[in-house]
Amino acid sequence: MKFIDEVASVEVGSPRNASKRFQQRNERLAEACSKGEKSGEWSESDRQHYLKTWERNDNFLVVPEKKFLICVLPKCSSTSWHWIVRDMREPLSVDHEFGWQDRQKNTEIAQQLEASVGLQLLNDQSAVRAIAVRHPFGKLISGWNQKLARDTTYSSFLMEAYPLMKRFASSKDKHHVLTFEDFMDYLAAYGNNKDNLDYHFLPMKHLCKPCLYPYNLVIKQEALGVDEKWLASVLNVTHLPWKEKGPGYKNDKPSEPVEVIRTYFRNVKPSTINALKQLYYYDFAIFGYSFDTKTLTAGGLR
């Protein structure tokens, strides 16, 4: 597991170093994908297929006229990216309130995109092909906090759709149907079978297929604060309407992701943590994230 225990070399840095950070992320992605190919996770023929055949992806958002494609996952600032894509397509008026209709339209445009236009986006060297990501454990925290909240429609759906999850349900957490620690145990025990994982908890490698689609911009949620100006310039937008949400906030005050992750994983068994690192191995490796099981320190956030 050394590959993901090593903290990534990209330092926190200042906004002026954003270009270098993105270059290093691309290099890390290429290195990890090469290792995955050698181990048989995917092949060169798989990659060529995705370059020559437009495979629609439910997580894509596109603005063809701006030569822009982004793969956005839940719990990776998806609402903000929907807002940005809507504004890139047609600048929003000052009094326009972004709503579900805008989000639905974004999705429809991506799903109904002509194959020839999609292939052009994938092969045009001047196009921006981004993927929005987050530390795997930060993503799990956010997903658990929202999707397993007690007395919600979604948590009820999860209990019915994934019967094995019921074995871990209890009344120990008055706000959630499973405690965080028990949910991590569930993922560690049954997550190797994708049929036991809801969309929100699938490894990112299954959803955005980072080693098959030719992404050239890895956007880390944790670094948006320092990357914002550079990204806004690259995307030719005035600003990024990004706000951290969910358990990253404590008492309405932002908390550092490293401390948030450490707090939630403090009572998770080391064996469970190691199993989760294996389950999400390529999400760690491809995007340069890390987690030290002894110190509970998340790394690679920049």
C-alpha atoms as a PDB file:
ATOM      1  CA  MET A   1       0.000   0.000   0.000  1.00  0.00           C
ATOM      2  CA  LYS A   2       3.025   2.286  -0.141  1.00  0.00           C
ATOM      3  CA  PHE A   3       1.774   3.991  -3.281  1.00  0.00           C
ATOM      4  CA  ILE A   4      -1.134   5.640  -1.446  1.00  0.00           C
ATOM      5  CA  ASP A   5       0.562   6.049   1.933  1.00  0.00           C
ATOM      6  CA  GLU A   6       2.994   8.522   0.444  1.00  0.00           C
ATOM      7  CA  VAL A   7       1.735  12.085   0.768  1.00  0.00           C
ATOM      8  CA  ALA A   8       1.620  13.685  -2.683  1.00  0.00           C
ATOM      9  CA  SER A   9       4.485  16.040  -3.536  1.00  0.00           C
ATOM     10  CA  VAL A  10       2.251  18.970  -4.508  1.00  0.00           C
ATOM     11  CA  GLU A  11       2.521  21.476  -1.667  1.00  0.00           C
ATOM     12  CA  VAL A  12      -0.376  23.633  -0.489  1.00  0.00           C
ATOM     13  CA  GLY A  13       1.214  26.602  -2.239  1.00  0.00           C
ATOM     14  CA  SER A  14      -0.253  29.879  -3.298  1.00  0.00           C
ATOM     15  CA  PRO A  15      -2.644  30.661  -6.161  1.00  0.00           C
ATOM     16  CA  ARG A  16       0.274  31.624  -8.408  1.00  0.00           C
ATOM     17  CA  ASN A  17       1.451  27.994  -8.332  1.00  0.00           C
ATOM     18  CA  ALA A  18      -1.872  26.653  -9.628  1.00  0.00           C
ATOM     19  CA  SER A  19      -0.554  25.876 -13.103  1.00  0.00           C
ATOM     20  CA  LYS A  20       2.213  23.732 -11.616  1.00  0.00           C
ATOM     21  CA  ARG A  21      -0.242  21.921  -9.359  1.00  0.00           C
ATOM     22  CA  PHE A  22      -2.462  21.008 -12.302  1.00  0.00           C
ATOM     23  CA  GLN A  23       0.536  19.803 -14.278  1.00  0.00           C
ATOM     24  CA  GLN A  24       1.622  17.569 -11.396  1.00  0.00           C
ATOM     25  CA  ARG A  25      -1.902  16.183 -11.065  1.00  0.00           C
ATOM     26  CA  ASN A  26      -1.889  15.245 -14.746  1.00  0.00           C
ATOM     27  CA  GLU A  27       1.473  13.564 -14.340  1.00  0.00           C
ATOM     28  CA  ARG A  28       0.226  11.602 -11.326  1.00  0.00           C
ATOM     29  CA  LEU A  29      -2.890  10.533 -13.239  1.00  0.00           C
ATOM     30  CA  ALA A  30      -0.794   9.307 -16.184  1.00  0.00           C
ATOM     31  CA  GLU A  31       1.586   7.444 -13.863  1.00  0.00           C
ATOM     32  CA  ALA A  32      -1.195   5.705 -11.922  1.00  0.00           C
ATOM     33  CA  CYS A  33      -3.108   4.807 -15.084  1.00  0.00           C
ATOM     34  CA  SER A  34       0.049   3.305 -16.556  1.00  0.00           C
ATOM     35  CA  LYS A  35       0.502   1.153 -13.440  1.00  0.00           C
ATOM     36  CA  GLY A  36      -3.140   0.112 -13.596  1.00  0.00           C
ATOM     37  CA  GLU A  37      -2.756  -0.924 -17.225  1.00  0.00           C
ATOM     38  CA  LYS A  38       0.288  -3.027 -16.405  1.00  0.00           C
ATOM     39  CA  SER A  39      -1.640  -4.756 -13.611  1.00  0.00           C
ATOM     40  CA  GLY A  40      -4.549  -5.528 -15.940  1.00  0.00           C
ATOM     41  CA  GLU A  41      -7.137  -3.098 -14.547  1.00  0.00           C
ATOM     42  CA  TRP A  42      -7.681  -1.707 -18.066  1.00  0.00           C
ATOM     43  CA  SER A  43      -5.905  -1.913 -21.399  1.00  0.00           C
ATOM     44  CA  GLU A  44      -4.651   0.284 -24.190  1.00  0.00           C
ATOM     45  CA  SER A  45      -7.427  -1.086 -26.389  1.00  0.00           C
ATOM     46  CA  ASP A  46      -9.958   0.085 -23.778  1.00  0.00           C
ATOM     47  CA  ARG A  47      -8.501   3.581 -23.914  1.00  0.00           C
ATOM     48  CA  GLN A  48      -8.520   3.635 -27.710  1.00  0.00           C
ATOM     49  CA  HIS A  49     -12.157   2.551 -27.692  1.00  0.00           C
ATOM     50  CA  TYR A  50     -13.123   5.573 -25.591  1.00  0.00           C
ATOM     51  CA  LEU A  51     -11.224   7.859 -27.956  1.00  0.00           C
ATOM     52  CA  LYS A  52     -12.896   6.488 -31.053  1.00  0.00           C
ATOM     53  CA  THR A  53     -16.389   5.734 -29.757  1.00  0.00           C
ATOM     54  CA  TRP A  54     -18.527   8.278 -27.935  1.00  0.00           C
ATOM     55  CA  GLU A  55     -19.606   6.541 -24.746  1.00  0.00           C
ATOM     56  CA  ARG A  56     -22.161   8.682 -22.954  1.00  0.00           C
ATOM     57  CA  ASN A  57     -21.518   9.132 -19.262  1.00  0.00           C
ATOM     58  CA  ASP A  58     -24.243  10.093 -16.775  1.00  0.00           C
ATOM     59  CA  ASN A  59     -21.752  12.293 -14.931  1.00  0.00           C
ATOM     60  CA  PHE A  60     -20.745  14.454 -17.906  1.00  0.00           C
ATOM     61  CA  LEU A  61     -21.603  18.122 -18.292  1.00  0.00           C
ATOM     62  CA  VAL A  62     -20.681  19.782 -21.575  1.00  0.00           C
ATOM     63  CA  VAL A  63     -20.538  23.163 -23.253  1.00  0.00           C
ATOM     64  CA  PRO A  64     -19.474  22.200 -26.807  1.00  0.00           C
ATOM     65  CA  GLU A  65     -19.316  25.759 -28.102  1.00  0.00           C
ATOM     66  CA  LYS A  66     -16.788  26.548 -25.365  1.00  0.00           C
ATOM     67  CA  LYS A  67     -14.914  23.263 -25.933  1.00  0.00           C
ATOM     68  CA  PHE A  68     -15.598  22.224 -22.365  1.00  0.00           C
ATOM     69  CA  LEU A  69     -16.418  18.853 -20.801  1.00  0.00           C
ATOM     70  CA  ILE A  70     -16.376  17.969 -17.128  1.00  0.00           C
ATOM     71  CA  CYS A  71     -17.158  14.761 -15.254  1.00  0.00           C
ATOM     72  CA  VAL A  72     -18.748  15.665 -11.925  1.00  0.00           C
ATOM     73  CA  LEU A  73     -19.530  13.244  -9.138  1.00  0.00           C
ATOM     74  CA  PRO A  74     -21.886  13.693  -6.187  1.00  0.00           C
ATOM     75  CA  LYS A  75     -20.189  15.203  -3.163  1.00  0.00           C
ATOM     76  CA  CYS A  76     -17.597  16.894  -5.408  1.00  0.00           C
ATOM     77  CA  SER A  77     -19.237  20.351  -5.642  1.00  0.00           C
ATOM     78  CA  SER A  78     -21.645  19.049  -8.282  1.00  0.00           C
ATOM     79  CA  THR A  79     -24.192  21.835  -7.705  1.00  0.00           C
ATOM     80  CA  SER A  80     -21.541  24.505  -8.206  1.00  0.00           C
ATOM     81  CA  TRP A  81     -20.345  22.885 -11.427  1.00  0.00           C
ATOM     82  CA  HIS A  82     -23.900  22.701 -12.728  1.00  0.00           C
ATOM     83  CA  TRP A  83     -24.186  26.430 -12.001  1.00  0.00           C
ATOM     84  CA  ILE A  84     -20.931  27.170 -13.810  1.00  0.00           C
ATOM     85  CA  VAL A  85     -21.886  25.092 -16.860  1.00  0.00           C
ATOM     86  CA  ARG A  86     -25.283  26.816 -17.009  1.00  0.00           C
ATOM     87  CA  ASP A  87     -23.584  30.215 -16.869  1.00  0.00           C
ATOM     88  CA  MET A  88     -21.004  29.242 -19.508  1.00  0.00           C
ATOM     89  CA  ARG A  89     -23.781  28.151 -21.843  1.00  0.00           C
ATOM     90  CA  GLU A  90     -25.922  31.226 -21.294  1.00  0.00           C
ATOM     91  CA  PRO A  91     -24.845  33.895 -18.781  1.00  0.00           C
ATOM     92  CA  LEU A  92     -27.291  34.071 -15.926  1.00  0.00           C
ATOM     93  CA  SER A  93     -29.011  37.354 -15.167  1.00  0.00           C
ATOM     94  CA  VAL A  94     -28.420  38.928 -11.787  1.00  0.00           C
ATOM     95  CA  ASP A  95     -31.906  38.035 -10.549  1.00  0.00           C
ATOM     96  CA  HIS A  96     -31.898  34.458 -11.927  1.00  0.00           C
ATOM     97  CA  GLU A  97     -32.194  31.854  -9.194  1.00  0.00           C
ATOM     98  CA  PHE A  98     -30.416  28.669 -10.250  1.00  0.00           C
ATOM     99  CA  GLY A  99     -32.831  25.766  -9.890  1.00  0.00           C
ATOM    100  CA  TRP A 100     -33.546  22.149 -10.740  1.00  0.00           C
ATOM    101  CA  GLN A 101     -34.684  23.121 -14.242  1.00  0.00           C
ATOM    102  CA  ASP A 102     -31.195  24.459 -14.996  1.00  0.00           C
ATOM    103  CA  ARG A 103     -29.632  21.297 -13.634  1.00  0.00           C
ATOM    104  CA  GLN A 104     -31.987  19.119 -15.675  1.00  0.00           C
ATOM    105  CA  LYS A 105     -31.200  21.074 -18.841  1.00  0.00           C
ATOM    106  CA  ASN A 106     -27.471  20.611 -18.271  1.00  0.00           C
ATOM    107  CA  THR A 107     -27.956  16.868 -17.973  1.00  0.00           C
ATOM    108  CA  GLU A 108     -30.182  16.667 -21.042  1.00  0.00           C
ATOM    109  CA  ILE A 109     -27.652  18.500 -23.202  1.00  0.00           C
ATOM    110  CA  ALA A 110     -24.893  16.072 -22.193  1.00  0.00           C
ATOM    111  CA  GLN A 111     -27.066  12.988 -22.674  1.00  0.00           C
ATOM    112  CA  GLN A 112     -28.418  14.102 -26.038  1.00  0.00           C
ATOM    113  CA  LEU A 113     -25.073  15.244 -27.424  1.00  0.00           C
ATOM    114  CA  GLU A 114     -24.413  13.990 -30.928  1.00  0.00           C
ATOM    115  CA  ALA A 115     -21.675  11.365 -31.053  1.00  0.00           C
ATOM    116  CA  SER A 116     -19.635  13.389 -33.554  1.00  0.00           C
ATOM    117  CA  VAL A 117     -19.632  16.411 -31.239  1.00  0.00           C
ATOM    118  CA  GLY A 118     -18.703  14.258 -28.254  1.00  0.00           C
ATOM    119  CA  LEU A 119     -15.787  12.693 -30.125  1.00  0.00           C
ATOM    120  CA  GLN A 120     -14.579  16.126 -31.127  1.00  0.00           C
ATOM    121  CA  LEU A 121     -14.546  17.173 -27.475  1.00  0.00           C
ATOM    122  CA  LEU A 122     -12.532  14.075 -26.591  1.00  0.00           C
ATOM    123  CA  ASN A 123      -9.956  14.493 -29.354  1.00  0.00           C
ATOM    124  CA  ASP A 124      -9.588  18.260 -29.748  1.00  0.00           C
ATOM    125  CA  GLN A 125      -6.228  19.191 -28.237  1.00  0.00           C
ATOM    126  CA  SER A 126      -7.534  22.668 -27.375  1.00  0.00           C
ATOM    127  CA  ALA A 127     -10.605  21.381 -25.481  1.00  0.00           C
ATOM    128  CA  VAL A 128     -10.791  21.370 -21.683  1.00  0.00           C
ATOM    129  CA  ARG A 129     -11.701  17.921 -20.339  1.00  0.00           C
ATOM    130  CA  ALA A 130     -11.977  18.199 -16.590  1.00  0.00           C
ATOM    131  CA  ILE A 131     -12.763  15.802 -13.777  1.00  0.00           C
ATOM    132  CA  ALA A 132     -13.898  17.075 -10.374  1.00  0.00           C
ATOM    133  CA  VAL A 133     -12.685  14.932  -7.480  1.00  0.00           C
ATOM    134  CA  ARG A 134     -12.438  14.825  -3.702  1.00  0.00           C
ATOM    135  CA  HIS A 135     -10.461  12.853  -1.138  1.00  0.00           C
ATOM    136  CA  PRO A 136     -12.165   9.413  -1.015  1.00  0.00           C
ATOM    137  CA  PHE A 137     -12.635   9.582   2.742  1.00  0.00           C
ATOM    138  CA  GLY A 138     -13.953  13.145   2.635  1.00  0.00           C
ATOM    139  CA  LYS A 139     -16.423  12.019   0.003  1.00  0.00           C
ATOM    140  CA  LEU A 140     -17.540   9.108   2.208  1.00  0.00           C
ATOM    141  CA  ILE A 141     -18.096  11.425   5.167  1.00  0.00           C
ATOM    142  CA  SER A 142     -20.237  13.798   3.150  1.00  0.00           C
ATOM    143  CA  GLY A 143     -22.216  10.981   1.532  1.00  0.00           C
ATOM    144  CA  TRP A 144     -22.900   9.233   4.845  1.00  0.00           C
ATOM    145  CA  ASN A 145     -23.910  12.476   6.555  1.00  0.00           C
ATOM    146  CA  GLN A 146     -26.545  13.303   3.944  1.00  0.00           C
ATOM    147  CA  LYS A 147     -27.701  10.020   2.437  1.00  0.00           C
ATOM    148  CA  LEU A 148     -27.946   8.034   5.679  1.00  0.00           C
ATOM    149  CA  ALA A 149     -29.627  10.752   7.708  1.00  0.00           C
ATOM    150  CA  ARG A 150     -32.454   9.307   9.775  1.00  0.00           C
ATOM    151  CA  ASP A 151     -36.073   9.748   8.645  1.00  0.00           C
ATOM    152  CA  THR A 152     -35.212  10.690   5.077  1.00  0.00           C
ATOM    153  CA  THR A 153     -36.522   9.192   1.868  1.00  0.00           C
ATOM    154  CA  TYR A 154     -33.053   8.324   0.656  1.00  0.00           C
ATOM    155  CA  SER A 155     -31.968   6.465   3.776  1.00  0.00           C
ATOM    156  CA  SER A 156     -35.197   4.439   3.622  1.00  0.00           C
ATOM    157  CA  PHE A 157     -34.423   3.620   0.002  1.00  0.00           C
ATOM    158  CA  LEU A 158     -30.907   2.462   0.932  1.00  0.00           C
ATOM    159  CA  MET A 159     -32.230   0.152   3.635  1.00  0.00           C
ATOM    160  CA  GLU A 160     -34.559  -1.504   1.131  1.00  0.00           C
ATOM    161  CA  ALA A 161     -32.187  -1.557  -1.839  1.00  0.00           C
ATOM    162  CA  TYR A 162     -29.211  -2.951   0.091  1.00  0.00           C
ATOM    163  CA  PRO A 163     -30.473  -5.597   2.562  1.00  0.00           C
ATOM    164  CA  LEU A 164     -27.000  -6.321   3.908  1.00  0.00           C
ATOM    165  CA  MET A 165     -26.816  -2.746   5.137  1.00  0.00           C
ATOM    166  CA  LYS A 166     -29.707  -3.441   7.502  1.00  0.00           C
ATOM    167  CA  ARG A 167     -27.426  -5.703   9.546  1.00  0.00           C
ATOM    168  CA  PHE A 168     -25.461  -2.605  10.534  1.00  0.00           C
ATOM    169  CA  ALA A 169     -28.443  -0.357  11.304  1.00  0.00           C
ATOM    170  CA  SER A 170     -29.011   0.676  14.906  1.00  0.00           C
ATOM    171  CA  SER A 171     -30.347   3.426  17.131  1.00  0.00           C
ATOM    172  CA  LYS A 172     -26.882   4.373  18.384  1.00  0.00           C
ATOM    173  CA  ASP A 173     -26.801   7.552  16.288  1.00  0.00           C
ATOM    174  CA  LYS A 174     -29.967   9.582  16.708  1.00  0.00           C
ATOM    175  CA  HIS A 175     -29.303  11.450  13.472  1.00  0.00           C
ATOM    176  CA  HIS A 176     -28.315   8.542  11.179  1.00  0.00           C
ATOM    177  CA  VAL A 177     -29.631   5.037  10.551  1.00  0.00           C
ATOM    178  CA  LEU A 178     -26.043   3.734  10.760  1.00  0.00           C
ATOM    179  CA  THR A 179     -23.233   5.189  12.793  1.00  0.00           C
ATOM    180  CA  PHE A 180     -20.348   6.398  10.673  1.00  0.00           C
ATOM    181  CA  GLU A 181     -18.110   3.643  12.041  1.00  0.00           C
ATOM    182  CA  ASP A 182     -20.680   0.942  11.284  1.00  0.00           C
ATOM    183  CA  PHE A 183     -21.177   2.250   7.766  1.00  0.00           C
ATOM    184  CA  MET A 184     -17.428   2.092   7.182  1.00  0.00           C
ATOM    185  CA  ASP A 185     -17.519  -1.523   8.425  1.00  0.00           C
ATOM    186  CA  TYR A 186     -20.301  -2.262   5.932  1.00  0.00           C
ATOM    187  CA  LEU A 187     -18.307  -0.788   3.040  1.00  0.00           C
ATOM    188  CA  ALA A 188     -15.194  -2.700   4.091  1.00  0.00           C
ATOM    189  CA  ALA A 189     -17.094  -5.974   4.383  1.00  0.00           C
ATOM    190  CA  TYR A 190     -19.251  -5.833   1.252  1.00  0.00           C
ATOM    191  CA  GLY A 191     -17.980  -2.994  -0.937  1.00  0.00           C
ATOM    192  CA  ASN A 192     -15.889  -5.220  -3.186  1.00  0.00           C
ATOM    193  CA  ASN A 193     -19.145  -6.254  -4.834  1.00  0.00           C
ATOM    194  CA  LYS A 194     -20.435  -3.196  -6.707  1.00  0.00           C
ATOM    195  CA  ASP A 195     -23.994  -4.482  -6.291  1.00  0.00           C
ATOM    196  CA  ASN A 196     -23.705  -3.589  -2.605  1.00  0.00           C
ATOM    197  CA  LEU A 197     -22.750   0.036  -3.271  1.00  0.00           C
ATOM    198  CA  ASP A 198     -25.072   2.930  -3.932  1.00  0.00           C
ATOM    199  CA  TYR A 199     -24.017   5.352  -6.667  1.00  0.00           C
ATOM    200  CA  HIS A 200     -22.808   7.879  -4.076  1.00  0.00           C
ATOM    201  CA  PHE A 201     -20.301   5.397  -2.649  1.00  0.00           C
ATOM    202  CA  LEU A 202     -18.940   3.744  -5.775  1.00  0.00           C
ATOM    203  CA  PRO A 203     -15.223   4.285  -6.389  1.00  0.00           C
ATOM    204  CA  MET A 204     -14.683   7.280  -8.673  1.00  0.00           C
ATOM    205  CA  LYS A 205     -12.814   5.050 -11.126  1.00  0.00           C
ATOM    206  CA  HIS A 206     -16.090   3.309 -12.029  1.00  0.00           C
ATOM    207  CA  LEU A 207     -18.045   6.492 -12.659  1.00  0.00           C
ATOM    208  CA  CYS A 208     -15.799   8.949 -14.493  1.00  0.00           C
ATOM    209  CA  LYS A 209     -13.353   6.306 -15.797  1.00  0.00           C
ATOM    210  CA  PRO A 210     -10.310   8.588 -15.399  1.00  0.00           C
ATOM    211  CA  CYS A 211      -7.922   6.213 -17.153  1.00  0.00           C
ATOM    212  CA  LEU A 212     -10.113   5.764 -20.223  1.00  0.00           C
ATOM    213  CA  TYR A 213     -11.404   9.235 -21.032  1.00  0.00           C
ATOM    214  CA  PRO A 214      -8.583  11.687 -21.913  1.00  0.00           C
ATOM    215  CA  TYR A 215      -8.991  14.189 -19.076  1.00  0.00           C
ATOM    216  CA  ASN A 216      -6.500  17.049 -18.991  1.00  0.00           C
ATOM    217  CA  LEU A 217      -7.666  18.955 -15.897  1.00  0.00           C
ATOM    218  CA  VAL A 218      -7.990  17.367 -12.448  1.00  0.00           C
ATOM    219  CA  ILE A 219      -9.945  19.687 -10.156  1.00  0.00           C
ATOM    220  CA  LYS A 220      -9.642  18.918  -6.455  1.00  0.00           C
ATOM    221  CA  GLN A 221     -12.482  20.215  -4.323  1.00  0.00           C
ATOM    222  CA  GLU A 222     -10.145  20.818  -1.391  1.00  0.00           C
ATOM    223  CA  ALA A 223      -7.946  23.124  -3.510  1.00  0.00           C
ATOM    224  CA  LEU A 224     -10.648  25.251  -5.125  1.00  0.00           C
ATOM    225  CA  GLY A 225      -9.874  28.101  -2.765  1.00  0.00           C
ATOM    226  CA  VAL A 226      -6.314  28.469  -4.081  1.00  0.00           C
ATOM    227  CA  ASP A 227      -7.063  27.321  -7.631  1.00  0.00           C
ATOM    228  CA  GLU A 228     -10.115  29.497  -8.208  1.00  0.00           C
ATOM    229  CA  LYS A 229      -8.509  32.471  -9.991  1.00  0.00           C
ATOM    230  CA  TRP A 230      -6.453  30.283 -12.319  1.00  0.00           C
ATOM    231  CA  LEU A 231      -9.443  28.067 -13.108  1.00  0.00           C
ATOM    232  CA  ALA A 232     -11.694  31.051 -13.753  1.00  0.00           C
ATOM    233  CA  SER A 233      -9.117  32.325 -16.242  1.00  0.00           C
ATOM    234  CA  VAL A 234      -8.836  28.948 -18.012  1.00  0.00           C
ATOM    235  CA  LEU A 235     -12.612  28.560 -18.230  1.00  0.00           C
ATOM    236  CA  ASN A 236     -13.119  32.221 -19.138  1.00  0.00           C
ATOM    237  CA  VAL A 237     -15.667  32.826 -16.375  1.00  0.00           C
ATOM    238  CA  THR A 238     -15.748  35.697 -13.927  1.00  0.00           C
ATOM    239  CA  HIS A 239     -15.792  33.533 -10.814  1.00  0.00           C
ATOM    240  CA  LEU A 240     -16.515  30.068  -9.459  1.00  0.00           C
ATOM    241  CA  PRO A 241     -19.613  30.053  -7.211  1.00  0.00           C
ATOM    242  CA  TRP A 242     -18.080  27.459  -4.941  1.00  0.00           C
ATOM    243  CA  LYS A 243     -18.989  26.986  -1.309  1.00  0.00           C
ATOM    244  CA  GLU A 244     -17.945  24.099   0.887  1.00  0.00           C
ATOM    245  CA  LYS A 245     -20.967  22.323   2.344  1.00  0.00           C
ATOM    246  CA  GLY A 246     -21.792  19.454   4.634  1.00  0.00           C
ATOM    247  CA  PRO A 247     -19.633  18.123   7.471  1.00  0.00           C
ATOM    248  CA  GLY A 248     -16.752  20.361   6.391  1.00  0.00           C
ATOM    249  CA  TYR A 249     -18.540  22.933   8.512  1.00  0.00           C
ATOM    250  CA  LYS A 250     -18.756  22.765  12.259  1.00  0.00           C
ATOM    251  CA  ASN A 251     -20.821  25.315  14.133  1.00  0.00           C
ATOM    252  CA  ASP A 252     -21.203  27.203  10.843  1.00  0.00           C
ATOM    253  CA  LYS A 253     -17.438  27.679  10.617  1.00  0.00           C
ATOM    254  CA  PRO A 254     -15.291  26.039   7.927  1.00  0.00           C
ATOM    255  CA  SER A 255     -13.046  23.266   9.165  1.00  0.00           C
ATOM    256  CA  GLU A 256      -9.902  22.024   7.498  1.00  0.00           C
ATOM    257  CA  PRO A 257     -10.552  18.783   5.561  1.00  0.00           C
ATOM    258  CA  VAL A 258      -7.587  17.102   7.271  1.00  0.00           C
ATOM    259  CA  GLU A 259      -9.128  17.669  10.705  1.00  0.00           C
ATOM    260  CA  VAL A 260     -12.636  16.752   9.565  1.00  0.00           C
ATOM    261  CA  ILE A 261     -11.438  13.420   8.171  1.00  0.00           C
ATOM    262  CA  ARG A 262      -9.317  12.717  11.251  1.00  0.00           C
ATOM    263  CA  THR A 263     -12.292  13.408  13.540  1.00  0.00           C
ATOM    264  CA  TYR A 264     -14.626  11.035  11.722  1.00  0.00           C
ATOM    265  CA  PHE A 265     -12.072   8.239  11.327  1.00  0.00           C
ATOM    266  CA  ARG A 266     -10.824   8.404  14.918  1.00  0.00           C
ATOM    267  CA  ASN A 267     -13.038   5.507  16.004  1.00  0.00           C
ATOM    268  CA  VAL A 268     -12.889   3.475  12.793  1.00  0.00           C
ATOM    269  CA  LYS A 269     -10.940   0.240  13.224  1.00  0.00           C
ATOM    270  CA  PRO A 270      -7.486   0.194  11.545  1.00  0.00           C
ATOM    271  CA  SER A 271      -8.422  -3.027   9.741  1.00  0.00           C
ATOM    272  CA  THR A 272     -11.496  -1.303   8.328  1.00  0.00           C
ATOM    273  CA  ILE A 273      -9.449   1.719   7.249  1.00  0.00           C
ATOM    274  CA  ASN A 274      -6.977  -0.519   5.437  1.00  0.00           C
ATOM    275  CA  ALA A 275      -9.818  -2.370   3.711  1.00  0.00           C
ATOM    276  CA  LEU A 276     -11.290   0.961   2.579  1.00  0.00           C
ATOM    277  CA  LYS A 277      -7.919   2.090   1.252  1.00  0.00           C
ATOM    278  CA  GLN A 278      -7.833  -1.064  -0.813  1.00  0.00           C
ATOM    279  CA  LEU A 279     -11.440  -0.649  -1.987  1.00  0.00           C
ATOM    280  CA  TYR A 280     -10.752   2.902  -3.150  1.00  0.00           C
ATOM    281  CA  TYR A 281      -7.146   2.217  -4.092  1.00  0.00           C
ATOM    282  CA  TYR A 282      -7.211   3.736  -7.562  1.00  0.00           C
ATOM    283  CA  ASP A 283      -9.174   6.779  -6.388  1.00  0.00           C
ATOM    284  CA  PHE A 284      -6.270   7.448  -4.041  1.00  0.00           C
ATOM    285  CA  ALA A 285      -3.539   6.602  -6.532  1.00  0.00           C
ATOM    286  CA  ILE A 286      -4.915   8.278  -9.650  1.00  0.00           C
ATOM    287  CA  PHE A 287      -5.604  11.591  -7.966  1.00  0.00           C
ATOM    288  CA  GLY A 288      -2.624  11.677  -5.612  1.00  0.00           C
ATOM    289  CA  TYR A 289      -4.571  11.355  -2.368  1.00  0.00           C
ATOM    290  CA  SER A 290      -3.255   9.521   0.681  1.00  0.00           C
ATOM    291  CA  PHE A 291      -4.193   8.531   4.208  1.00  0.00           C
ATOM    292  CA  ASP A 292      -1.866   7.521   7.028  1.00  0.00           C
ATOM    293  CA  THR A 293      -3.629   4.877   9.101  1.00  0.00           C
ATOM    294  CA  LYS A 294      -1.453   5.490  12.192  1.00  0.00           C
ATOM    295  CA  THR A 295      -1.772   9.272  12.371  1.00  0.00           C
ATOM    296  CA  LEU A 296      -5.166   9.474  10.619  1.00  0.00           C
ATOM    297  CA  THR A 297      -3.713  12.157   8.356  1.00  0.00           C
ATOM    298  CA  ALA A 298      -5.224  12.770   4.931  1.00  0.00           C
ATOM    299  CA  GLY A 299      -2.769  13.964   2.291  1.00  0.00           C
ATOM    300  CA  GLY A 300      -2.623  15.060  -1.310  1.00  0.00           C
ATOM    301  CA  LEU A 301      -5.320  17.696  -0.881  1.00  0.00           C
ATOM    302  CA  ARG A 302      -3.523  20.078  -3.213  1.00  0.00           C
END
